[in-house]
């Protein structure tokens, strides 16, 4: 399993080499293993086209599987015209969204044939994988939403063509499903409580450490900028707010910009996003899975991110 790459193809190739993969006939491959990519191939980094090409060739030649990240979802929605609002797109072309996506559009050439091919490939990515020995989703394994997702996905867990519009409509059921599975579980703070995100926007919902268990408070669960944590109350949360995880088999996620030395979040849950696109000490991280039911710290493998 390989976490969020964000256009750092040089680091991806270094990590594949470290894992024992070699390039042959233009495709990275291993004699005995396959990669599972956890999504977020694009945005931020300098080699986004090459990153997608490496992953796509591995998937199409049977050497990898992949799930959709929120950045692939956003890229599709940015490129898809809104059938109900001529001249508009499913992801609004406002300055905030452009800032996040500009590097990709510049590298791929917005509206080019290459851009269209990439968007078409992104649409083929499942939003989760439930395999015999492990599970993979970009941000949050949420059993209730995974069950509901069956109404909007095909037999390969890919969003149906007719589901794209509502998946981009805030407040709809498919929107809430995609937001949670690909962007994480957000929980509303108690009335009157708020904080400001890293862009300075006032927020009344907080992204949560959904994998935590036991008696917890909002502050225990909150993933907010460090200077904002004191604003999050120590009010206990109701247990039903969290999805719970049955531990039936390991689940792997990306998305969360972890730091420090990679290690499991719990016996059965691992995050593989260690901020390769970050400015200080980021890593491109993988987990070498050998069928174990309890995850092992020694099975994490990584390479350092680019020097800033």
Protein backbone atom coordinates (compact mmCIF):
# COMPACT_ATOMS: atom_id res chain seq x y z
CA UNK A 1 0.00 0.00 0.00
CA UNK A 2 1.35 3.42 -0.98
CA UNK A 3 -0.01 6.65 0.46
CA UNK A 4 -0.66 10.09 -1.03
CA UNK A 5 1.91 10.98 -3.73
CA UNK A 6 0.71 14.44 -4.83
CA UNK A 7 2.85 14.62 -7.94
CA UNK A 8 6.20 13.57 -6.47
CA UNK A 9 7.18 11.00 -9.10
CA UNK A 10 10.88 11.04 -8.19
CA UNK A 11 10.04 9.94 -4.65
CA UNK A 12 7.53 7.38 -5.98
CA UNK A 13 10.20 5.75 -8.15
CA UNK A 14 12.65 5.72 -5.25
CA UNK A 15 10.04 4.07 -3.01
CA UNK A 16 9.15 1.47 -5.64
CA UNK A 17 12.84 0.60 -5.98
CA UNK A 18 13.17 0.30 -2.21
CA UNK A 19 10.18 -2.09 -2.23
CA UNK A 20 11.84 -4.29 -4.85
CA UNK A 21 9.96 -3.08 -7.96
CA UNK A 22 11.74 -2.59 -11.28
CA UNK A 23 10.71 -0.86 -14.47
CA UNK A 24 10.32 -3.18 -17.45
CA UNK A 25 8.79 -2.21 -20.81
CA UNK A 26 7.71 1.08 -19.29
CA UNK A 27 5.83 -0.50 -16.37
CA UNK A 28 6.96 -0.77 -12.75
CA UNK A 29 6.46 -4.33 -11.52
CA UNK A 30 7.42 -6.92 -8.93
CA UNK A 31 7.80 -10.66 -9.36
CA UNK A 32 5.53 -11.53 -6.42
CA UNK A 33 3.69 -8.42 -5.28
CA UNK A 34 1.22 -5.74 -6.32
CA UNK A 35 0.84 -2.15 -5.17
CA UNK A 36 -2.40 -0.69 -3.87
CA UNK A 37 -2.41 3.10 -4.28
CA UNK A 38 -4.46 5.02 -1.71
CA UNK A 39 -5.26 7.97 -4.01
CA UNK A 40 -4.23 11.64 -4.20
CA UNK A 41 -1.89 11.31 -7.15
CA UNK A 42 -2.24 14.98 -8.14
CA UNK A 43 -2.08 18.59 -6.89
CA UNK A 44 0.87 20.26 -5.18
CA UNK A 45 3.93 18.45 -6.63
CA UNK A 46 6.14 19.13 -9.69
CA UNK A 47 5.71 15.77 -11.51
CA UNK A 48 1.97 15.17 -11.55
CA UNK A 49 1.69 13.88 -15.11
CA UNK A 50 4.47 11.33 -14.60
CA UNK A 51 2.96 10.25 -11.28
CA UNK A 52 -0.39 9.48 -12.90
CA UNK A 53 1.30 7.73 -15.82
CA UNK A 54 3.28 5.45 -13.49
CA UNK A 55 0.22 4.51 -11.45
CA UNK A 56 -2.07 4.11 -14.44
CA UNK A 57 0.34 1.85 -16.33
CA UNK A 58 0.75 -0.33 -13.24
CA UNK A 59 -3.01 -0.63 -12.77
CA UNK A 60 -3.77 -1.27 -16.43
CA UNK A 61 -1.06 -3.94 -16.69
CA UNK A 62 -2.17 -5.82 -13.58
CA UNK A 63 0.63 -4.73 -11.25
CA UNK A 64 -1.43 -2.45 -9.02
CA UNK A 65 -4.86 -1.52 -7.72
CA UNK A 66 -5.90 1.99 -6.74
CA UNK A 67 -8.70 3.88 -5.01
CA UNK A 68 -9.87 7.43 -5.60
CA UNK A 69 -8.60 10.22 -3.38
CA UNK A 70 -10.39 13.48 -2.73
CA UNK A 71 -8.02 15.24 -5.14
CA UNK A 72 -9.05 12.92 -8.00
CA UNK A 73 -12.70 13.48 -7.10
CA UNK A 74 -12.16 17.24 -7.09
CA UNK A 75 -10.29 17.08 -10.42
CA UNK A 76 -13.22 15.29 -12.04
CA UNK A 77 -15.77 17.70 -10.59
CA UNK A 78 -13.67 20.68 -11.72
CA UNK A 79 -13.70 19.35 -15.31
CA UNK A 80 -17.37 18.28 -15.46
CA UNK A 81 -19.90 20.84 -16.61
CA UNK A 82 -23.00 21.14 -14.45
CA UNK A 83 -25.93 19.91 -16.58
CA UNK A 84 -28.35 21.99 -14.52
CA UNK A 85 -26.32 25.21 -14.73
CA UNK A 86 -24.92 25.87 -18.22
CA UNK A 87 -21.44 27.35 -18.14
CA UNK A 88 -20.84 26.21 -14.56
CA UNK A 89 -18.97 23.17 -13.25
CA UNK A 90 -19.64 20.60 -10.53
CA UNK A 91 -16.69 22.06 -8.62
CA UNK A 92 -16.93 25.81 -8.75
CA UNK A 93 -14.05 27.61 -10.50
CA UNK A 94 -13.56 30.06 -7.63
CA UNK A 95 -10.17 31.36 -6.53
CA UNK A 96 -9.94 29.03 -3.51
CA UNK A 97 -10.49 25.92 -5.63
CA UNK A 98 -8.22 27.13 -8.42
CA UNK A 99 -5.37 27.73 -5.97
CA UNK A 100 -5.50 24.07 -4.89
CA UNK A 101 -5.71 22.73 -8.46
CA UNK A 102 -3.66 25.24 -10.48
CA UNK A 103 -0.39 23.26 -10.53
CA UNK A 104 -2.16 20.22 -12.00
CA UNK A 105 -3.96 22.26 -14.66
CA UNK A 106 -0.70 23.94 -15.69
CA UNK A 107 1.22 20.68 -15.90
CA UNK A 108 -1.43 18.70 -17.76
CA UNK A 109 -2.72 21.56 -19.92
CA UNK A 110 -6.31 22.34 -18.99
CA UNK A 111 -8.72 21.04 -21.63
CA UNK A 112 -6.01 19.10 -23.48
CA UNK A 113 -6.43 15.56 -24.73
CA UNK A 114 -4.06 14.44 -21.98
CA UNK A 115 -6.24 16.20 -19.40
CA UNK A 116 -9.36 14.47 -20.71
CA UNK A 117 -7.65 11.06 -20.65
CA UNK A 118 -6.59 11.56 -17.03
CA UNK A 119 -10.08 12.61 -15.95
CA UNK A 120 -11.53 9.55 -17.72
CA UNK A 121 -9.08 7.32 -15.82
CA UNK A 122 -9.85 8.97 -12.50
CA UNK A 123 -13.52 8.09 -13.06
CA UNK A 124 -12.59 4.39 -13.20
CA UNK A 125 -11.13 4.42 -9.69
CA UNK A 126 -13.24 2.74 -6.98
CA UNK A 127 -14.05 4.75 -3.86
CA UNK A 128 -13.01 1.81 -1.65
CA UNK A 129 -11.73 -1.77 -1.78
CA UNK A 130 -12.89 -4.58 0.48
CA UNK A 131 -10.52 -7.45 -0.29
CA UNK A 132 -10.30 -10.88 1.36
CA UNK A 133 -7.50 -9.87 3.77
CA UNK A 134 -7.60 -6.07 3.92
CA UNK A 135 -9.61 -2.92 3.25
CA UNK A 136 -8.62 0.34 1.61
CA UNK A 137 -10.33 3.74 1.54
CA UNK A 138 -8.79 7.17 1.14
CA UNK A 139 -9.97 8.77 4.40
CA UNK A 140 -12.59 6.99 6.53
CA UNK A 141 -13.96 3.45 6.72
CA UNK A 142 -17.56 4.19 7.68
CA UNK A 143 -19.79 1.06 7.59
CA UNK A 144 -23.09 2.97 7.42
CA UNK A 145 -21.99 5.11 4.48
CA UNK A 146 -20.30 2.17 2.75
CA UNK A 147 -23.62 0.31 2.81
CA UNK A 148 -25.47 3.36 1.44
CA UNK A 149 -22.79 3.82 -1.24
CA UNK A 150 -24.01 0.66 -2.99
CA UNK A 151 -26.93 2.69 -4.38
CA UNK A 152 -24.53 5.02 -6.19
CA UNK A 153 -21.72 2.68 -7.28
CA UNK A 154 -21.29 -0.23 -9.67
CA UNK A 155 -20.05 -3.74 -8.86
CA UNK A 156 -16.45 -2.42 -8.79
CA UNK A 157 -17.29 0.34 -6.26
CA UNK A 158 -16.98 3.07 -8.89
CA UNK A 159 -19.35 6.03 -8.83
CA UNK A 160 -22.10 5.58 -11.40
CA UNK A 161 -22.23 8.22 -14.17
CA UNK A 162 -25.63 9.40 -12.95
CA UNK A 163 -24.32 9.84 -9.39
CA UNK A 164 -21.75 12.52 -10.16
CA UNK A 165 -24.06 15.50 -10.07
CA UNK A 166 -25.60 14.71 -6.68
CA UNK A 167 -22.21 13.67 -5.30
CA UNK A 168 -21.22 17.30 -5.83
CA UNK A 169 -24.41 18.79 -4.36
CA UNK A 170 -23.83 19.76 -0.74
CA UNK A 171 -26.39 18.21 1.60
CA UNK A 172 -27.35 15.27 -0.61
CA UNK A 173 -26.84 11.69 0.55
CA UNK A 174 -24.19 10.84 -2.08
CA UNK A 175 -22.37 14.09 -1.23
CA UNK A 176 -22.23 13.13 2.46
CA UNK A 177 -21.00 9.64 1.55
CA UNK A 178 -18.20 10.89 -0.67
CA UNK A 179 -17.22 13.64 1.76
CA UNK A 180 -16.83 11.13 4.58
CA UNK A 181 -15.12 8.29 2.68
CA UNK A 182 -12.72 10.54 0.73
CA UNK A 183 -12.28 13.59 2.99
CA UNK A 184 -12.86 12.29 6.51
CA UNK A 185 -15.53 12.29 9.18
CA UNK A 186 -16.52 15.76 10.35
CA UNK A 187 -18.56 16.20 13.51
CA UNK A 188 -20.41 19.36 14.58
CA UNK A 189 -19.05 21.15 17.62
CA UNK A 190 -21.45 21.96 20.48
CA UNK A 191 -23.61 25.03 19.92
CA UNK A 192 -21.65 28.26 20.03
CA UNK A 193 -18.20 26.62 19.64
CA UNK A 194 -15.93 27.29 16.64
CA UNK A 195 -12.33 27.50 15.47
CA UNK A 196 -10.47 28.84 12.41
CA UNK A 197 -8.85 26.56 9.83
CA UNK A 198 -5.40 27.10 8.30
CA UNK A 199 -6.90 29.50 5.71
CA UNK A 200 -8.51 31.55 8.49
CA UNK A 201 -12.05 30.40 7.74
CA UNK A 202 -14.44 30.07 10.69
CA UNK A 203 -15.48 26.45 11.19
CA UNK A 204 -18.15 24.89 13.39
CA UNK A 205 -17.47 21.28 12.29
CA UNK A 206 -14.24 19.52 13.13
CA UNK A 207 -12.45 16.74 11.24
CA UNK A 208 -12.13 13.81 13.61
CA UNK A 209 -9.75 11.03 14.46
CA UNK A 210 -12.51 8.53 13.65
CA UNK A 211 -10.31 5.56 14.57
CA UNK A 212 -10.09 6.51 18.25
CA UNK A 213 -11.97 4.40 20.81
CA UNK A 214 -13.01 4.75 24.44
CA UNK A 215 -14.45 7.73 26.29
CA UNK A 216 -13.45 10.75 24.25
CA UNK A 217 -13.97 14.51 24.11
CA UNK A 218 -14.20 16.80 21.12
CA UNK A 219 -10.62 17.92 21.77
CA UNK A 220 -9.42 14.30 21.82
CA UNK A 221 -10.86 13.79 18.34
CA UNK A 222 -10.18 17.16 16.73
CA UNK A 223 -7.72 17.51 13.86
CA UNK A 224 -7.15 21.28 13.80
CA UNK A 225 -4.17 23.65 13.52
CA UNK A 226 -2.09 23.44 16.69
CA UNK A 227 -2.79 27.02 17.75
CA UNK A 228 -6.55 26.34 17.57
CA UNK A 229 -6.71 23.21 19.72
CA UNK A 230 -7.40 25.16 22.93
CA UNK A 231 -10.63 26.42 21.35
CA UNK A 232 -11.99 22.88 21.08
CA UNK A 233 -13.96 21.96 24.21
CA UNK A 234 -13.27 18.95 26.39
CA UNK A 235 -16.97 18.12 26.23
CA UNK A 236 -17.52 14.34 25.94
CA UNK A 237 -18.79 13.09 22.57
CA UNK A 238 -21.58 10.60 22.18
CA UNK A 239 -20.21 7.25 21.07
CA UNK A 240 -22.69 6.98 18.19
CA UNK A 241 -20.94 9.93 16.48
CA UNK A 242 -18.02 7.68 15.53
CA UNK A 243 -18.41 4.88 12.96
CA UNK A 244 -16.57 2.25 15.00
CA UNK A 245 -14.37 -0.35 13.41
CA UNK A 246 -14.98 -4.09 13.75
CA UNK A 247 -11.31 -5.05 13.36
CA UNK A 248 -12.30 -7.92 11.08
CA UNK A 249 -9.28 -7.16 8.88
CA UNK A 250 -6.76 -4.33 8.55
CA UNK A 251 -7.83 -1.08 6.89
CA UNK A 252 -5.46 1.35 5.22
CA UNK A 253 -6.11 5.06 4.68
CA UNK A 254 -4.20 8.12 3.49
CA UNK A 255 -5.24 11.77 3.61
CA UNK A 256 -4.25 12.95 7.08
CA UNK A 257 -0.76 14.50 6.72
CA UNK A 258 0.80 12.52 9.54
CA UNK A 259 4.27 13.34 10.84
CA UNK A 260 7.06 11.62 12.73
CA UNK A 261 8.06 7.99 12.37
CA UNK A 262 5.37 5.93 10.61
CA UNK A 263 3.47 3.48 12.80
CA UNK A 264 -0.04 1.96 12.96
CA UNK A 265 -2.87 4.04 14.40
CA UNK A 266 -4.17 0.86 16.05
CA UNK A 267 -3.79 -2.90 15.70
CA UNK A 268 -6.02 -2.83 12.61
CA UNK A 269 -5.77 0.69 11.14
CA UNK A 270 -2.86 2.42 9.40
CA UNK A 271 -2.53 5.83 7.76
CA UNK A 272 0.08 6.04 4.98
CA UNK A 273 0.00 9.78 4.29
CA UNK A 274 3.18 11.20 5.80
CA UNK A 275 3.18 14.58 4.06
CA UNK A 276 5.55 14.08 1.13
CA UNK A 277 4.31 17.47 -0.10
CA UNK A 278 5.02 19.11 3.25
CA UNK A 279 7.85 21.53 3.87
CA UNK A 280 9.56 19.86 6.80
CA UNK A 281 10.56 16.21 6.95
CA UNK A 282 7.74 14.78 4.85
CA UNK A 283 7.90 11.20 3.62
CA UNK A 284 6.34 9.08 0.91
CA UNK A 285 5.20 6.07 2.88
CA UNK A 286 4.19 2.48 2.13
CA UNK A 287 3.20 -0.58 4.10
CA UNK A 288 4.47 -4.00 3.03
CA UNK A 289 1.54 -6.29 3.83
CA UNK A 290 2.20 -10.00 4.41
CA UNK A 291 -1.31 -11.08 5.34
CA UNK A 292 -1.00 -10.29 9.06
CA UNK A 293 -4.15 -9.54 11.02
CA UNK A 294 -2.31 -7.24 13.47
CA UNK A 295 -0.36 -4.44 11.81
CA UNK A 296 3.38 -4.15 12.49
CA UNK A 297 5.46 -0.99 12.72
CA UNK A 298 8.38 -2.79 11.07
CA UNK A 299 6.37 -3.22 7.85
CA UNK A 300 6.30 0.52 7.13
CA UNK A 301 8.72 1.58 4.39
CA UNK A 302 9.38 5.15 3.28
CA UNK A 303 11.63 7.57 1.47
CA UNK A 304 12.24 11.17 2.43
CA UNK A 305 10.42 13.93 0.62
CA UNK A 306 12.15 16.61 -1.49
CA UNK A 307 14.46 19.06 0.21
CA UNK A 308 12.75 22.43 0.45
